[in-house]
Amino acid sequence: MIRDGDHTDERSIVADLEKRVARLETRTEAVAEAIRSLAHGLEEGPLAEPGERTVAEAARRAYELLLITDPHRDEEDREAPR
């Protein structure tokens, strides 16, 4: 026998799962973009000048991408005193 409360619990569980999947998809996309950025920075074209900052810039960009999608960042923001 299924009660109304059971449907509410199921909907809540499904909604929570959908949120987690969405966050995971966002994080996965950010990691893929960070990897592309690093790979691009490591590629040295034939016209590249010695000592170009492309690798450092790519690493900074990759780090920023990962920070933006850090799932713990939201938790820290909520816990921080205002």
C-alpha atoms as a PDB file:
ATOM      1  CA  MET A   1       0.000   0.000   0.000  1.00  0.00           C
ATOM      2  CA  ILE A   2       1.404   3.402  -1.005  1.00  0.00           C
ATOM      3  CA  ARG A   3       0.505   6.461   1.015  1.00  0.00           C
ATOM      4  CA  ASP A   4       0.653  10.100  -0.074  1.00  0.00           C
ATOM      5  CA  GLY A   5       3.700  10.635   2.137  1.00  0.00           C
ATOM      6  CA  ASP A   6       5.536   7.923   0.213  1.00  0.00           C
ATOM      7  CA  HIS A   7       5.021   9.796  -3.073  1.00  0.00           C
ATOM      8  CA  THR A   8       6.369  12.976  -1.508  1.00  0.00           C
ATOM      9  CA  ASP A   9       9.461  11.131  -0.299  1.00  0.00           C
ATOM     10  CA  GLU A  10       9.979   9.597  -3.727  1.00  0.00           C
ATOM     11  CA  ARG A  11       9.624  12.998  -5.429  1.00  0.00           C
ATOM     12  CA  SER A  12      12.082  14.506  -2.976  1.00  0.00           C
ATOM     13  CA  ILE A  13      14.590  11.726  -3.601  1.00  0.00           C
ATOM     14  CA  VAL A  14      14.225  12.091  -7.378  1.00  0.00           C
ATOM     15  CA  ALA A  15      14.580  15.888  -7.173  1.00  0.00           C
ATOM     16  CA  ASP A  16      17.721  15.557  -5.033  1.00  0.00           C
ATOM     17  CA  LEU A  17      19.163  13.011  -7.442  1.00  0.00           C
ATOM     18  CA  GLU A  18      18.447  15.266 -10.419  1.00  0.00           C
ATOM     19  CA  LYS A  19      20.242  18.152  -8.689  1.00  0.00           C
ATOM     20  CA  ARG A  20      23.258  15.957  -7.958  1.00  0.00           C
ATOM     21  CA  VAL A  21      23.395  14.746 -11.570  1.00  0.00           C
ATOM     22  CA  ALA A  22      23.169  18.329 -12.843  1.00  0.00           C
ATOM     23  CA  ARG A  23      26.038  19.390 -10.563  1.00  0.00           C
ATOM     24  CA  LEU A  24      28.082  16.400 -11.707  1.00  0.00           C
ATOM     25  CA  GLU A  25      27.456  17.247 -15.357  1.00  0.00           C
ATOM     26  CA  THR A  26      28.507  20.851 -14.771  1.00  0.00           C
ATOM     27  CA  ARG A  27      31.650  19.764 -12.940  1.00  0.00           C
ATOM     28  CA  THR A  28      32.508  17.229 -15.664  1.00  0.00           C
ATOM     29  CA  GLU A  29      32.152  19.901 -18.345  1.00  0.00           C
ATOM     30  CA  ALA A  30      34.440  22.212 -16.338  1.00  0.00           C
ATOM     31  CA  VAL A  31      37.074  19.501 -15.958  1.00  0.00           C
ATOM     32  CA  ALA A  32      36.939  18.809 -19.703  1.00  0.00           C
ATOM     33  CA  GLU A  33      37.321  22.542 -20.434  1.00  0.00           C
ATOM     34  CA  ALA A  34      40.225  22.766 -17.980  1.00  0.00           C
ATOM     35  CA  ILE A  35      41.954  19.862 -19.727  1.00  0.00           C
ATOM     36  CA  ARG A  36      41.400  21.499 -23.134  1.00  0.00           C
ATOM     37  CA  SER A  37      42.852  24.740 -21.773  1.00  0.00           C
ATOM     38  CA  LEU A  38      45.928  22.967 -20.410  1.00  0.00           C
ATOM     39  CA  ALA A  39      46.420  21.009 -23.628  1.00  0.00           C
ATOM     40  CA  HIS A  40      46.173  24.197 -25.666  1.00  0.00           C
ATOM     41  CA  GLY A  41      48.697  25.906 -23.388  1.00  0.00           C
ATOM     42  CA  LEU A  42      51.117  23.018 -23.738  1.00  0.00           C
ATOM     43  CA  GLU A  43      50.944  23.023 -27.537  1.00  0.00           C
ATOM     44  CA  GLU A  44      53.821  24.995 -28.862  1.00  0.00           C
ATOM     45  CA  GLY A  45      53.246  26.242 -32.348  1.00  0.00           C
ATOM     46  CA  PRO A  46      56.061  26.747 -34.847  1.00  0.00           C
ATOM     47  CA  LEU A  47      55.831  30.536 -34.449  1.00  0.00           C
ATOM     48  CA  ALA A  48      55.836  30.519 -30.646  1.00  0.00           C
ATOM     49  CA  GLU A  49      58.380  32.772 -29.028  1.00  0.00           C
ATOM     50  CA  PRO A  50      60.596  31.233 -26.349  1.00  0.00           C
ATOM     51  CA  GLY A  51      59.392  31.948 -22.853  1.00  0.00           C
ATOM     52  CA  GLU A  52      55.785  32.652 -23.827  1.00  0.00           C
ATOM     53  CA  ARG A  53      53.431  32.579 -20.895  1.00  0.00           C
ATOM     54  CA  THR A  54      50.848  30.342 -22.588  1.00  0.00           C
ATOM     55  CA  VAL A  55      51.412  27.412 -20.230  1.00  0.00           C
ATOM     56  CA  ALA A  56      51.102  29.553 -17.107  1.00  0.00           C
ATOM     57  CA  GLU A  57      48.041  31.314 -18.509  1.00  0.00           C
ATOM     58  CA  ALA A  58      46.450  27.987 -19.431  1.00  0.00           C
ATOM     59  CA  ALA A  59      47.129  26.615 -15.972  1.00  0.00           C
ATOM     60  CA  ARG A  60      45.590  29.708 -14.372  1.00  0.00           C
ATOM     61  CA  ARG A  61      42.540  29.440 -16.635  1.00  0.00           C
ATOM     62  CA  ALA A  62      42.141  25.732 -15.843  1.00  0.00           C
ATOM     63  CA  TYR A  63      42.391  26.439 -12.127  1.00  0.00           C
ATOM     64  CA  GLU A  64      39.793  29.195 -12.379  1.00  0.00           C
ATOM     65  CA  LEU A  65      37.434  26.907 -14.282  1.00  0.00           C
ATOM     66  CA  LEU A  66      37.698  24.301 -11.573  1.00  0.00           C
ATOM     67  CA  LEU A  67      37.194  26.876  -8.816  1.00  0.00           C
ATOM     68  CA  ILE A  68      34.056  28.212 -10.452  1.00  0.00           C
ATOM     69  CA  THR A  69      32.439  24.792 -10.425  1.00  0.00           C
ATOM     70  CA  ASP A  70      33.783  23.645  -7.056  1.00  0.00           C
ATOM     71  CA  PRO A  71      30.816  21.972  -5.334  1.00  0.00           C
ATOM     72  CA  HIS A  72      32.255  22.815  -1.912  1.00  0.00           C
ATOM     73  CA  ARG A  73      32.408  26.514  -2.728  1.00  0.00           C
ATOM     74  CA  ASP A  74      28.634  26.832  -2.308  1.00  0.00           C
ATOM     75  CA  GLU A  75      28.795  25.106   1.074  1.00  0.00           C
ATOM     76  CA  GLU A  76      31.573  27.445   2.223  1.00  0.00           C
ATOM     77  CA  ASP A  77      29.605  30.481   1.049  1.00  0.00           C
ATOM     78  CA  ARG A  78      26.554  29.347   3.008  1.00  0.00           C
ATOM     79  CA  GLU A  79      28.590  28.683   6.147  1.00  0.00           C
ATOM     80  CA  ALA A  80      30.581  31.935   6.008  1.00  0.00           C
ATOM     81  CA  PRO A  81      29.413  34.560   8.521  1.00  0.00           C
ATOM     82  CA  ARG A  82      27.912  37.654   6.941  1.00  0.00           C
END
